[in-house]
Amino acid sequence: MFLSKGLPNPLERGCAMLLALDCDGVMTDIMELRSRVLLIKYKICIEPRLCNRQHLIGQGILPETAYEEFCQTVYHDPKYGHLLRLAGGAAFHVARLQSMGHAIKIATRRSNTGLVIVRSLFDRYNLSIPMQSVPRGQSKAEAIAGAYAYVDDDRRELDMLLDDGVLPTQTRLYLWRHNYNQAASLVGLTGEVRSFAEYAQLVTSWQRE
């Protein structure tokens, strides 16, 4: 039995939880892949933490049109998709949480080929995780409906959920903190997470509440 909107706190009855996660930046080490694609395709050497839109366009490294093409390559080109890796500890801790009865679901902006690339990555680790693609510009509220908590590394995605005002009050929103989003505020959120080991401990603490 998993958390639903009609149950204020099923954890009191020892139920398993539905836990929702973002894909890139949480389950996968997308910034490492960005860095590798920049080096291989564009012959540009930049450390992963700086491979974001603000730095690449703001510093004149890539014009906006080239940046959009770069993103398409990173997320959808199978030529580079095999270079994608899971975030540290993801395989172990997700499998462990599933073995404890919790359901893991991914809400992602990826679609089509991008989803195929991630499924192939999961297969290499024998992970079975349902993914729901959400069109850009649309809130992930429907995709994470019923989840006890949702974690994303993009503060804008979390803001869209807060602005929607349709999530049940028991759904907790967490920022997955990286060195590239240190400036992101936690206002309105339940908190932050920095690793899968910390996330697993957090889930365990929820069961004790």
N, C-alpha and C. Protein backbone atom coordinates (compact mmCIF):
# COMPACT_ATOMS: atom_id res chain seq x y z
N MET A 1 0.85 -1.19 0.00
CA MET A 1 0.00 0.00 0.00
C MET A 1 0.89 1.24 0.00
N PHE A 2 0.65 2.15 -0.96
CA PHE A 2 1.49 3.33 -1.08
C PHE A 2 0.70 4.60 -0.75
N LEU A 3 1.46 5.62 -0.48
CA LEU A 3 0.88 6.89 -0.07
C LEU A 3 -0.06 7.45 -1.13
N SER A 4 -1.22 7.88 -0.72
CA SER A 4 -2.18 8.50 -1.64
C SER A 4 -2.66 9.80 -1.04
N LYS A 5 -3.30 10.60 -1.87
CA LYS A 5 -3.73 11.92 -1.43
C LYS A 5 -4.74 11.85 -0.29
N GLY A 6 -5.47 10.74 -0.21
CA GLY A 6 -6.51 10.66 0.80
C GLY A 6 -6.01 10.23 2.17
N LEU A 7 -4.73 9.89 2.27
CA LEU A 7 -4.19 9.44 3.55
C LEU A 7 -3.19 10.45 4.07
N PRO A 8 -3.46 11.09 5.20
CA PRO A 8 -2.60 12.14 5.71
C PRO A 8 -1.19 11.68 6.06
N ASN A 9 -1.05 10.49 6.63
CA ASN A 9 0.29 10.00 6.95
C ASN A 9 0.27 8.49 7.14
N PRO A 10 0.31 7.72 6.03
CA PRO A 10 0.26 6.27 6.13
C PRO A 10 1.47 5.69 6.84
N LEU A 11 2.56 6.48 6.99
CA LEU A 11 3.73 5.96 7.67
C LEU A 11 3.40 5.54 9.10
N GLU A 12 2.37 6.14 9.66
CA GLU A 12 1.96 5.78 11.01
C GLU A 12 1.51 4.32 11.06
N ARG A 13 1.13 3.78 9.90
CA ARG A 13 0.68 2.39 9.85
C ARG A 13 1.74 1.49 9.22
N GLY A 14 2.95 2.03 9.07
CA GLY A 14 4.05 1.21 8.58
C GLY A 14 4.00 0.90 7.10
N CYS A 15 3.31 1.71 6.32
CA CYS A 15 3.20 1.45 4.89
C CYS A 15 4.49 1.85 4.17
N ALA A 16 4.72 1.21 3.02
CA ALA A 16 5.84 1.61 2.17
C ALA A 16 5.49 2.92 1.49
N MET A 17 6.50 3.56 0.93
CA MET A 17 6.30 4.88 0.33
C MET A 17 6.55 4.87 -1.17
N LEU A 18 5.89 5.79 -1.84
CA LEU A 18 6.20 6.11 -3.23
C LEU A 18 7.16 7.29 -3.18
N LEU A 19 8.34 7.12 -3.72
CA LEU A 19 9.38 8.14 -3.70
C LEU A 19 9.68 8.56 -5.13
N ALA A 20 9.54 9.85 -5.41
CA ALA A 20 9.75 10.36 -6.76
C ALA A 20 11.07 11.12 -6.86
N LEU A 21 11.76 10.89 -7.97
CA LEU A 21 13.06 11.51 -8.20
C LEU A 21 13.12 12.11 -9.60
N ASP A 22 13.90 13.17 -9.73
CA ASP A 22 14.26 13.66 -11.05
C ASP A 22 15.28 12.69 -11.64
N CYS A 23 15.49 12.75 -12.93
CA CYS A 23 16.45 11.85 -13.56
C CYS A 23 17.85 12.46 -13.60
N ASP A 24 18.04 13.45 -14.45
CA ASP A 24 19.38 14.01 -14.67
C ASP A 24 19.74 15.01 -13.58
N GLY A 25 20.87 14.76 -12.94
CA GLY A 25 21.27 15.60 -11.82
C GLY A 25 20.92 14.98 -10.49
N VAL A 26 20.11 13.91 -10.53
CA VAL A 26 19.78 13.16 -9.31
C VAL A 26 20.19 11.69 -9.54
N MET A 27 19.48 11.00 -10.42
CA MET A 27 19.83 9.61 -10.71
C MET A 27 21.09 9.50 -11.55
N THR A 28 21.30 10.43 -12.46
CA THR A 28 22.46 10.35 -13.34
C THR A 28 23.43 11.50 -13.10
N ASP A 29 24.69 11.26 -13.44
CA ASP A 29 25.72 12.29 -13.33
C ASP A 29 25.77 13.03 -14.67
N ILE A 30 24.76 13.84 -14.90
CA ILE A 30 24.61 14.50 -16.20
C ILE A 30 25.69 15.54 -16.45
N MET A 31 26.20 16.17 -15.42
CA MET A 31 27.22 17.20 -15.62
C MET A 31 28.54 16.58 -16.10
N GLU A 32 28.83 15.39 -15.64
CA GLU A 32 30.03 14.69 -16.13
C GLU A 32 29.88 14.39 -17.62
N LEU A 33 28.69 13.96 -18.03
CA LEU A 33 28.45 13.69 -19.44
C LEU A 33 28.56 14.97 -20.26
N ARG A 34 28.02 16.06 -19.76
CA ARG A 34 28.13 17.35 -20.45
C ARG A 34 29.60 17.70 -20.68
N SER A 35 30.40 17.52 -19.65
CA SER A 35 31.82 17.84 -19.75
C SER A 35 32.51 16.97 -20.81
N ARG A 36 32.16 15.71 -20.85
CA ARG A 36 32.79 14.80 -21.81
C ARG A 36 32.36 15.10 -23.24
N VAL A 37 31.10 15.45 -23.43
CA VAL A 37 30.62 15.79 -24.78
C VAL A 37 31.28 17.08 -25.26
N LEU A 38 31.42 18.05 -24.38
CA LEU A 38 32.11 19.29 -24.75
C LEU A 38 33.54 19.01 -25.21
N LEU A 39 34.19 18.10 -24.53
CA LEU A 39 35.57 17.79 -24.88
C LEU A 39 35.65 16.99 -26.18
N ILE A 40 34.81 15.97 -26.32
CA ILE A 40 34.88 15.09 -27.49
C ILE A 40 34.38 15.78 -28.76
N LYS A 41 33.23 16.44 -28.68
CA LYS A 41 32.62 17.01 -29.88
C LYS A 41 33.09 18.42 -30.18
N TYR A 42 33.29 19.22 -29.12
CA TYR A 42 33.60 20.63 -29.33
C TYR A 42 35.06 20.98 -29.00
N LYS A 43 35.81 20.00 -28.51
CA LYS A 43 37.21 20.23 -28.14
C LYS A 43 37.35 21.34 -27.09
N ILE A 44 36.36 21.41 -26.20
CA ILE A 44 36.36 22.41 -25.13
C ILE A 44 36.50 21.67 -23.80
N CYS A 45 37.49 22.04 -23.03
CA CYS A 45 37.74 21.37 -21.74
C CYS A 45 37.24 22.24 -20.59
N ILE A 46 36.15 21.79 -19.95
CA ILE A 46 35.55 22.54 -18.84
C ILE A 46 35.16 21.54 -17.75
N GLU A 47 35.41 21.87 -16.52
CA GLU A 47 35.04 20.97 -15.43
C GLU A 47 33.52 20.85 -15.34
N PRO A 48 33.03 19.68 -14.94
CA PRO A 48 31.59 19.40 -14.95
C PRO A 48 30.72 20.46 -14.28
N ARG A 49 31.13 20.99 -13.13
CA ARG A 49 30.28 21.91 -12.38
C ARG A 49 29.98 23.20 -13.16
N LEU A 50 30.77 23.48 -14.20
CA LEU A 50 30.58 24.71 -14.97
C LEU A 50 29.88 24.47 -16.31
N CYS A 51 29.45 23.24 -16.53
CA CYS A 51 28.83 22.91 -17.82
C CYS A 51 27.33 23.20 -17.82
N ASN A 52 26.96 24.37 -17.35
CA ASN A 52 25.55 24.76 -17.32
C ASN A 52 25.30 25.93 -18.27
N ARG A 53 24.04 26.22 -18.48
CA ARG A 53 23.65 27.27 -19.41
C ARG A 53 24.23 28.62 -19.04
N GLN A 54 24.12 28.95 -17.76
CA GLN A 54 24.58 30.27 -17.31
C GLN A 54 26.06 30.49 -17.63
N HIS A 55 26.87 29.48 -17.39
CA HIS A 55 28.31 29.65 -17.63
C HIS A 55 28.66 29.56 -19.11
N LEU A 56 28.12 28.56 -19.79
CA LEU A 56 28.51 28.34 -21.18
C LEU A 56 28.08 29.48 -22.10
N ILE A 57 26.87 30.00 -21.88
CA ILE A 57 26.41 31.13 -22.70
C ILE A 57 26.92 32.44 -22.13
N GLY A 58 26.85 32.58 -20.82
CA GLY A 58 27.26 33.83 -20.17
C GLY A 58 28.71 34.18 -20.40
N GLN A 59 29.58 33.16 -20.48
CA GLN A 59 31.00 33.40 -20.70
C GLN A 59 31.38 33.37 -22.18
N GLY A 60 30.37 33.26 -23.03
CA GLY A 60 30.63 33.28 -24.47
C GLY A 60 31.29 32.02 -25.01
N ILE A 61 31.21 30.94 -24.27
CA ILE A 61 31.82 29.68 -24.71
C ILE A 61 31.00 29.05 -25.83
N LEU A 62 29.68 29.11 -25.70
CA LEU A 62 28.78 28.65 -26.75
C LEU A 62 27.69 29.70 -26.96
N PRO A 63 27.39 30.05 -28.22
CA PRO A 63 26.23 30.90 -28.45
C PRO A 63 24.96 30.11 -28.14
N GLU A 64 23.86 30.79 -27.99
CA GLU A 64 22.63 30.11 -27.55
C GLU A 64 22.21 29.00 -28.49
N THR A 65 22.31 29.22 -29.80
CA THR A 65 21.91 28.18 -30.75
C THR A 65 22.81 26.95 -30.61
N ALA A 66 24.09 27.16 -30.43
CA ALA A 66 25.02 26.05 -30.26
C ALA A 66 24.77 25.34 -28.93
N TYR A 67 24.36 26.10 -27.91
CA TYR A 67 24.07 25.49 -26.62
C TYR A 67 22.86 24.56 -26.73
N GLU A 68 21.83 24.97 -27.46
CA GLU A 68 20.65 24.13 -27.63
C GLU A 68 21.01 22.85 -28.38
N GLU A 69 21.86 22.98 -29.38
CA GLU A 69 22.32 21.80 -30.12
C GLU A 69 23.13 20.88 -29.20
N PHE A 70 23.95 21.49 -28.36
CA PHE A 70 24.75 20.74 -27.39
C PHE A 70 23.85 19.93 -26.46
N CYS A 71 22.79 20.54 -25.97
CA CYS A 71 21.86 19.84 -25.07
C CYS A 71 21.17 18.68 -25.77
N GLN A 72 20.79 18.88 -27.02
CA GLN A 72 20.18 17.79 -27.79
C GLN A 72 21.14 16.61 -27.90
N THR A 73 22.40 16.92 -28.12
CA THR A 73 23.41 15.88 -28.23
C THR A 73 23.56 15.13 -26.91
N VAL A 74 23.65 15.88 -25.82
CA VAL A 74 23.85 15.28 -24.50
C VAL A 74 22.70 14.35 -24.11
N TYR A 75 21.48 14.79 -24.34
CA TYR A 75 20.33 14.04 -23.85
C TYR A 75 19.76 13.02 -24.83
N HIS A 76 20.05 13.19 -26.12
CA HIS A 76 19.34 12.36 -27.10
C HIS A 76 20.22 11.62 -28.10
N ASP A 77 21.51 11.88 -28.14
CA ASP A 77 22.37 11.24 -29.14
C ASP A 77 22.95 9.94 -28.59
N PRO A 78 22.55 8.78 -29.16
CA PRO A 78 23.06 7.49 -28.68
C PRO A 78 24.58 7.37 -28.81
N LYS A 79 25.17 8.16 -29.69
CA LYS A 79 26.62 8.13 -29.87
C LYS A 79 27.34 8.46 -28.56
N TYR A 80 26.71 9.32 -27.76
CA TYR A 80 27.29 9.73 -26.49
C TYR A 80 26.53 9.15 -25.29
N GLY A 81 25.35 8.61 -25.55
CA GLY A 81 24.52 8.11 -24.47
C GLY A 81 25.18 7.02 -23.64
N HIS A 82 26.04 6.21 -24.28
CA HIS A 82 26.69 5.13 -23.55
C HIS A 82 27.70 5.65 -22.52
N LEU A 83 28.02 6.96 -22.61
CA LEU A 83 28.95 7.56 -21.65
C LEU A 83 28.25 8.01 -20.37
N LEU A 84 26.92 8.00 -20.39
CA LEU A 84 26.16 8.42 -19.22
C LEU A 84 26.35 7.44 -18.07
N ARG A 85 26.53 7.97 -16.87
CA ARG A 85 26.73 7.15 -15.69
C ARG A 85 25.71 7.50 -14.61
N LEU A 86 25.45 6.54 -13.73
CA LEU A 86 24.59 6.81 -12.58
C LEU A 86 25.34 7.68 -11.58
N ALA A 87 24.59 8.43 -10.81
CA ALA A 87 25.19 9.20 -9.72
C ALA A 87 25.77 8.23 -8.69
N GLY A 88 26.78 8.68 -7.97
CA GLY A 88 27.42 7.83 -6.98
C GLY A 88 26.44 7.28 -5.95
N GLY A 89 26.43 5.98 -5.78
CA GLY A 89 25.57 5.35 -4.78
C GLY A 89 24.14 5.10 -5.24
N ALA A 90 23.78 5.58 -6.43
CA ALA A 90 22.39 5.47 -6.88
C ALA A 90 21.93 4.02 -7.00
N ALA A 91 22.73 3.19 -7.69
CA ALA A 91 22.33 1.80 -7.92
C ALA A 91 22.12 1.06 -6.60
N PHE A 92 23.07 1.18 -5.69
CA PHE A 92 22.99 0.45 -4.42
C PHE A 92 21.80 0.91 -3.58
N HIS A 93 21.66 2.20 -3.39
CA HIS A 93 20.64 2.70 -2.47
C HIS A 93 19.23 2.59 -3.05
N VAL A 94 19.08 2.80 -4.36
CA VAL A 94 17.75 2.64 -4.96
C VAL A 94 17.31 1.18 -4.87
N ALA A 95 18.21 0.25 -5.19
CA ALA A 95 17.88 -1.17 -5.10
C ALA A 95 17.53 -1.55 -3.66
N ARG A 96 18.26 -0.99 -2.71
CA ARG A 96 18.00 -1.29 -1.30
C ARG A 96 16.64 -0.76 -0.87
N LEU A 97 16.31 0.46 -1.28
CA LEU A 97 15.01 1.03 -0.93
C LEU A 97 13.88 0.21 -1.55
N GLN A 98 14.08 -0.25 -2.78
CA GLN A 98 13.07 -1.09 -3.42
C GLN A 98 12.91 -2.41 -2.68
N SER A 99 14.02 -2.98 -2.21
CA SER A 99 13.96 -4.25 -1.49
C SER A 99 13.22 -4.09 -0.16
N MET A 100 13.17 -2.85 0.35
CA MET A 100 12.46 -2.57 1.60
C MET A 100 10.97 -2.35 1.35
N GLY A 101 10.58 -2.41 0.08
CA GLY A 101 9.16 -2.27 -0.25
C GLY A 101 8.77 -0.92 -0.80
N HIS A 102 9.69 0.02 -0.82
CA HIS A 102 9.38 1.35 -1.35
C HIS A 102 9.35 1.32 -2.88
N ALA A 103 8.49 2.15 -3.45
CA ALA A 103 8.42 2.28 -4.90
C ALA A 103 9.16 3.54 -5.32
N ILE A 104 10.02 3.42 -6.31
CA ILE A 104 10.76 4.56 -6.85
C ILE A 104 10.21 4.89 -8.22
N LYS A 105 9.97 6.17 -8.45
CA LYS A 105 9.49 6.62 -9.75
C LYS A 105 10.29 7.83 -10.18
N ILE A 106 10.54 7.93 -11.47
CA ILE A 106 11.28 9.07 -12.01
C ILE A 106 10.37 9.94 -12.86
N ALA A 107 10.41 11.24 -12.58
CA ALA A 107 9.70 12.24 -13.40
C ALA A 107 10.77 13.02 -14.15
N THR A 108 10.74 12.97 -15.46
CA THR A 108 11.84 13.54 -16.25
C THR A 108 11.36 14.34 -17.44
N ARG A 109 12.21 15.23 -17.90
CA ARG A 109 11.94 15.99 -19.13
C ARG A 109 12.41 15.23 -20.37
N ARG A 110 13.11 14.12 -20.15
CA ARG A 110 13.55 13.33 -21.28
C ARG A 110 12.37 12.71 -22.02
N SER A 111 12.55 12.45 -23.31
CA SER A 111 11.51 11.79 -24.10
C SER A 111 12.18 10.98 -25.20
N ASN A 112 11.44 10.08 -25.79
CA ASN A 112 11.89 9.31 -26.94
C ASN A 112 13.28 8.71 -26.74
N THR A 113 14.23 9.10 -27.59
CA THR A 113 15.58 8.53 -27.52
C THR A 113 16.22 8.77 -26.16
N GLY A 114 15.93 9.93 -25.58
CA GLY A 114 16.50 10.24 -24.27
C GLY A 114 16.08 9.23 -23.22
N LEU A 115 14.83 8.77 -23.27
CA LEU A 115 14.36 7.75 -22.34
C LEU A 115 15.02 6.40 -22.61
N VAL A 116 15.19 6.08 -23.89
CA VAL A 116 15.82 4.82 -24.26
C VAL A 116 17.25 4.75 -23.70
N ILE A 117 17.97 5.88 -23.78
CA ILE A 117 19.34 5.93 -23.27
C ILE A 117 19.37 5.64 -21.77
N VAL A 118 18.46 6.25 -21.02
CA VAL A 118 18.44 6.04 -19.58
C VAL A 118 18.00 4.62 -19.23
N ARG A 119 17.03 4.09 -19.96
CA ARG A 119 16.60 2.70 -19.69
C ARG A 119 17.76 1.74 -19.92
N SER A 120 18.54 2.00 -20.96
CA SER A 120 19.71 1.16 -21.23
C SER A 120 20.70 1.24 -20.08
N LEU A 121 20.88 2.44 -19.53
CA LEU A 121 21.76 2.61 -18.38
C LEU A 121 21.24 1.82 -17.18
N PHE A 122 19.96 1.91 -16.90
CA PHE A 122 19.36 1.17 -15.78
C PHE A 122 19.53 -0.34 -15.97
N ASP A 123 19.36 -0.78 -17.22
CA ASP A 123 19.49 -2.22 -17.50
C ASP A 123 20.89 -2.72 -17.15
N ARG A 124 21.89 -1.89 -17.36
CA ARG A 124 23.26 -2.31 -17.05
C ARG A 124 23.45 -2.56 -15.56
N TYR A 125 22.59 -1.94 -14.75
CA TYR A 125 22.68 -2.10 -13.29
C TYR A 125 21.53 -2.95 -12.76
N ASN A 126 20.76 -3.57 -13.66
CA ASN A 126 19.61 -4.39 -13.26
C ASN A 126 18.61 -3.61 -12.42
N LEU A 127 18.42 -2.36 -12.77
CA LEU A 127 17.44 -1.52 -12.09
C LEU A 127 16.15 -1.44 -12.89
N SER A 128 15.05 -1.63 -12.20
CA SER A 128 13.74 -1.48 -12.83
C SER A 128 13.03 -0.30 -12.17
N ILE A 129 13.00 0.82 -12.87
CA ILE A 129 12.42 2.04 -12.32
C ILE A 129 11.50 2.67 -13.36
N PRO A 130 10.22 2.79 -13.07
CA PRO A 130 9.32 3.44 -14.03
C PRO A 130 9.66 4.92 -14.20
N MET A 131 9.57 5.39 -15.42
CA MET A 131 9.84 6.79 -15.73
C MET A 131 8.64 7.40 -16.44
N GLN A 132 8.34 8.64 -16.08
CA GLN A 132 7.27 9.36 -16.76
C GLN A 132 7.83 10.63 -17.36
N SER A 133 7.65 10.78 -18.67
CA SER A 133 8.13 11.96 -19.37
C SER A 133 7.12 13.09 -19.21
N VAL A 134 7.62 14.27 -18.86
CA VAL A 134 6.78 15.46 -18.68
C VAL A 134 7.24 16.53 -19.66
N PRO A 135 6.36 17.02 -20.51
CA PRO A 135 6.74 18.05 -21.50
C PRO A 135 7.28 19.31 -20.82
N ARG A 136 8.22 19.95 -21.46
CA ARG A 136 8.79 21.18 -20.92
C ARG A 136 7.71 22.25 -20.81
N GLY A 137 7.78 23.00 -19.73
CA GLY A 137 6.79 24.03 -19.48
C GLY A 137 5.61 23.54 -18.67
N GLN A 138 5.51 22.24 -18.49
CA GLN A 138 4.42 21.65 -17.71
C GLN A 138 4.94 21.19 -16.36
N SER A 139 4.18 21.44 -15.33
CA SER A 139 4.57 21.01 -13.99
C SER A 139 4.63 19.48 -13.91
N LYS A 140 5.48 18.97 -13.02
CA LYS A 140 5.59 17.54 -12.80
C LYS A 140 4.58 17.03 -11.77
N ALA A 141 3.62 17.87 -11.40
CA ALA A 141 2.67 17.52 -10.34
C ALA A 141 1.94 16.21 -10.61
N GLU A 142 1.46 16.03 -11.81
CA GLU A 142 0.73 14.80 -12.13
C GLU A 142 1.66 13.59 -12.09
N ALA A 143 2.88 13.77 -12.56
CA ALA A 143 3.83 12.66 -12.61
C ALA A 143 4.23 12.17 -11.22
N ILE A 144 4.21 13.06 -10.24
CA ILE A 144 4.64 12.67 -8.88
C ILE A 144 3.46 12.57 -7.92
N ALA A 145 2.26 12.56 -8.46
CA ALA A 145 1.07 12.47 -7.60
C ALA A 145 1.14 11.24 -6.70
N GLY A 146 0.88 11.44 -5.42
CA GLY A 146 0.89 10.33 -4.48
C GLY A 146 2.24 10.08 -3.84
N ALA A 147 3.28 10.78 -4.30
CA ALA A 147 4.61 10.56 -3.73
C ALA A 147 4.74 11.21 -2.36
N TYR A 148 5.44 10.54 -1.48
CA TYR A 148 5.69 11.12 -0.16
C TYR A 148 6.70 12.25 -0.27
N ALA A 149 7.64 12.13 -1.21
CA ALA A 149 8.65 13.18 -1.39
C ALA A 149 9.13 13.18 -2.84
N TYR A 150 9.58 14.34 -3.26
CA TYR A 150 10.16 14.48 -4.60
C TYR A 150 11.46 15.27 -4.48
N VAL A 151 12.49 14.81 -5.20
CA VAL A 151 13.80 15.45 -5.16
C VAL A 151 14.22 15.87 -6.56
N ASP A 152 14.71 17.11 -6.69
CA ASP A 152 15.15 17.63 -7.99
C ASP A 152 16.35 18.54 -7.76
N ASP A 153 17.27 18.57 -8.72
CA ASP A 153 18.42 19.47 -8.59
C ASP A 153 18.15 20.85 -9.19
N ASP A 154 17.01 20.99 -9.84
CA ASP A 154 16.66 22.25 -10.51
C ASP A 154 15.60 23.00 -9.68
N ARG A 155 15.99 24.10 -9.10
CA ARG A 155 15.07 24.86 -8.26
C ARG A 155 13.85 25.33 -9.05
N ARG A 156 14.02 25.58 -10.34
CA ARG A 156 12.89 26.03 -11.17
C ARG A 156 11.81 24.96 -11.25
N GLU A 157 12.21 23.70 -11.30
CA GLU A 157 11.23 22.62 -11.35
C GLU A 157 10.44 22.56 -10.04
N LEU A 158 11.13 22.74 -8.94
CA LEU A 158 10.47 22.73 -7.64
C LEU A 158 9.53 23.92 -7.49
N ASP A 159 9.95 25.07 -8.03
CA ASP A 159 9.10 26.26 -7.98
C ASP A 159 7.81 26.05 -8.76
N MET A 160 7.89 25.36 -9.88
CA MET A 160 6.68 25.08 -10.67
C MET A 160 5.69 24.26 -9.86
N LEU A 161 6.19 23.33 -9.07
CA LEU A 161 5.32 22.52 -8.23
C LEU A 161 4.70 23.35 -7.12
N LEU A 162 5.49 24.25 -6.55
CA LEU A 162 4.97 25.12 -5.49
C LEU A 162 3.93 26.08 -6.05
N ASP A 163 4.19 26.60 -7.24
CA ASP A 163 3.28 27.56 -7.85
C ASP A 163 1.96 26.93 -8.26
N ASP A 164 2.02 25.63 -8.62
CA ASP A 164 0.80 24.93 -9.03
C ASP A 164 -0.22 24.88 -7.90
N GLY A 165 0.29 24.65 -6.70
CA GLY A 165 -0.60 24.57 -5.54
C GLY A 165 -1.52 23.37 -5.55
N VAL A 166 -1.16 22.31 -6.31
CA VAL A 166 -2.03 21.14 -6.39
C VAL A 166 -1.47 19.94 -5.65
N LEU A 167 -0.22 20.02 -5.18
CA LEU A 167 0.35 18.90 -4.43
C LEU A 167 -0.27 18.82 -3.05
N PRO A 168 -0.51 17.60 -2.56
CA PRO A 168 -1.02 17.46 -1.19
C PRO A 168 0.02 17.97 -0.20
N THR A 169 -0.41 18.44 0.92
CA THR A 169 0.51 19.07 1.88
C THR A 169 1.56 18.10 2.40
N GLN A 170 1.31 16.77 2.36
CA GLN A 170 2.28 15.83 2.90
C GLN A 170 3.41 15.53 1.92
N THR A 171 3.31 15.97 0.67
CA THR A 171 4.38 15.73 -0.29
C THR A 171 5.53 16.68 0.01
N ARG A 172 6.68 16.10 0.32
CA ARG A 172 7.84 16.90 0.70
C ARG A 172 8.72 17.15 -0.52
N LEU A 173 9.17 18.38 -0.67
CA LEU A 173 10.02 18.76 -1.80
C LEU A 173 11.44 19.04 -1.31
N TYR A 174 12.40 18.38 -1.95
CA TYR A 174 13.80 18.53 -1.59
C TYR A 174 14.64 18.96 -2.78
N LEU A 175 15.62 19.80 -2.52
CA LEU A 175 16.60 20.17 -3.54
C LEU A 175 17.79 19.22 -3.43
N TRP A 176 18.19 18.63 -4.55
CA TRP A 176 19.41 17.83 -4.56
C TRP A 176 20.57 18.79 -4.78
N ARG A 177 21.32 19.00 -3.73
CA ARG A 177 22.36 20.04 -3.74
C ARG A 177 23.65 19.55 -4.41
N HIS A 178 24.14 20.37 -5.33
CA HIS A 178 25.41 20.13 -6.02
C HIS A 178 26.27 21.38 -5.91
N ASN A 179 27.51 21.26 -6.33
CA ASN A 179 28.36 22.46 -6.33
C ASN A 179 27.93 23.47 -7.38
N TYR A 180 27.11 23.06 -8.34
CA TYR A 180 26.66 24.00 -9.37
C TYR A 180 25.33 24.69 -9.02
N ASN A 181 24.68 24.29 -7.94
CA ASN A 181 23.43 24.97 -7.55
C ASN A 181 23.47 25.46 -6.11
N GLN A 182 24.68 25.81 -5.65
CA GLN A 182 24.86 26.28 -4.28
C GLN A 182 24.05 27.54 -3.96
N ALA A 183 23.80 28.35 -4.99
CA ALA A 183 23.08 29.61 -4.76
C ALA A 183 21.57 29.42 -4.66
N ALA A 184 21.08 28.24 -5.01
CA ALA A 184 19.63 27.99 -4.99
C ALA A 184 19.09 28.04 -3.57
N SER A 185 18.01 28.77 -3.38
CA SER A 185 17.39 28.93 -2.06
C SER A 185 16.57 27.70 -1.68
N LEU A 186 16.40 27.50 -0.39
CA LEU A 186 15.55 26.41 0.11
C LEU A 186 14.19 26.92 0.58
N VAL A 187 13.92 28.20 0.37
CA VAL A 187 12.65 28.79 0.80
C VAL A 187 11.47 28.03 0.18
N GLY A 188 10.55 27.60 1.01
CA GLY A 188 9.37 26.88 0.55
C GLY A 188 9.56 25.39 0.44
N LEU A 189 10.81 24.91 0.56
CA LEU A 189 11.10 23.49 0.44
C LEU A 189 11.25 22.84 1.82
N THR A 190 11.16 21.53 1.85
CA THR A 190 11.35 20.81 3.11
C THR A 190 12.82 20.78 3.50
N GLY A 191 13.70 20.69 2.51
CA GLY A 191 15.13 20.64 2.81
C GLY A 191 15.96 20.32 1.59
N GLU A 192 17.17 19.81 1.82
CA GLU A 192 18.08 19.48 0.74
C GLU A 192 18.72 18.13 1.00
N VAL A 193 19.24 17.53 -0.07
CA VAL A 193 19.93 16.25 -0.01
C VAL A 193 21.20 16.38 -0.84
N ARG A 194 22.29 15.75 -0.39
CA ARG A 194 23.57 15.88 -1.09
C ARG A 194 24.12 14.56 -1.63
N SER A 195 23.53 13.44 -1.24
CA SER A 195 24.03 12.15 -1.71
C SER A 195 22.94 11.09 -1.53
N PHE A 196 23.13 9.96 -2.20
CA PHE A 196 22.16 8.88 -2.04
C PHE A 196 22.24 8.24 -0.66
N ALA A 197 23.43 8.25 -0.07
CA ALA A 197 23.55 7.73 1.29
C ALA A 197 22.73 8.59 2.24
N GLU A 198 22.80 9.90 2.07
CA GLU A 198 22.02 10.81 2.90
C GLU A 198 20.53 10.65 2.62
N TYR A 199 20.19 10.45 1.36
CA TYR A 199 18.78 10.27 0.99
C TYR A 199 18.21 9.01 1.64
N ALA A 200 18.96 7.93 1.60
CA ALA A 200 18.50 6.68 2.21
C ALA A 200 18.29 6.84 3.71
N GLN A 201 19.17 7.57 4.36
CA GLN A 201 19.02 7.84 5.79
C GLN A 201 17.76 8.67 6.05
N LEU A 202 17.49 9.60 5.13
CA LEU A 202 16.31 10.46 5.26
C LEU A 202 15.04 9.62 5.18
N VAL A 203 15.00 8.71 4.21
CA VAL A 203 13.82 7.84 4.07
C VAL A 203 13.62 7.02 5.34
N THR A 204 14.70 6.50 5.88
CA THR A 204 14.62 5.72 7.12
C THR A 204 14.06 6.57 8.27
N SER A 205 14.48 7.85 8.31
CA SER A 205 13.98 8.74 9.37
C SER A 205 12.49 8.99 9.23
N TRP A 206 12.00 9.03 7.99
CA TRP A 206 10.56 9.24 7.79
C TRP A 206 9.78 8.07 8.36
N GLN A 207 10.31 6.88 8.22
CA GLN A 207 9.61 5.70 8.72
C GLN A 207 9.52 5.68 10.24
N ARG A 208 10.41 6.43 10.90
CA ARG A 208 10.43 6.46 12.36
C ARG A 208 9.57 7.57 12.93
N GLU A 209 9.06 8.45 12.08
CA GLU A 209 8.28 9.58 12.58
C GLU A 209 6.96 9.13 13.18
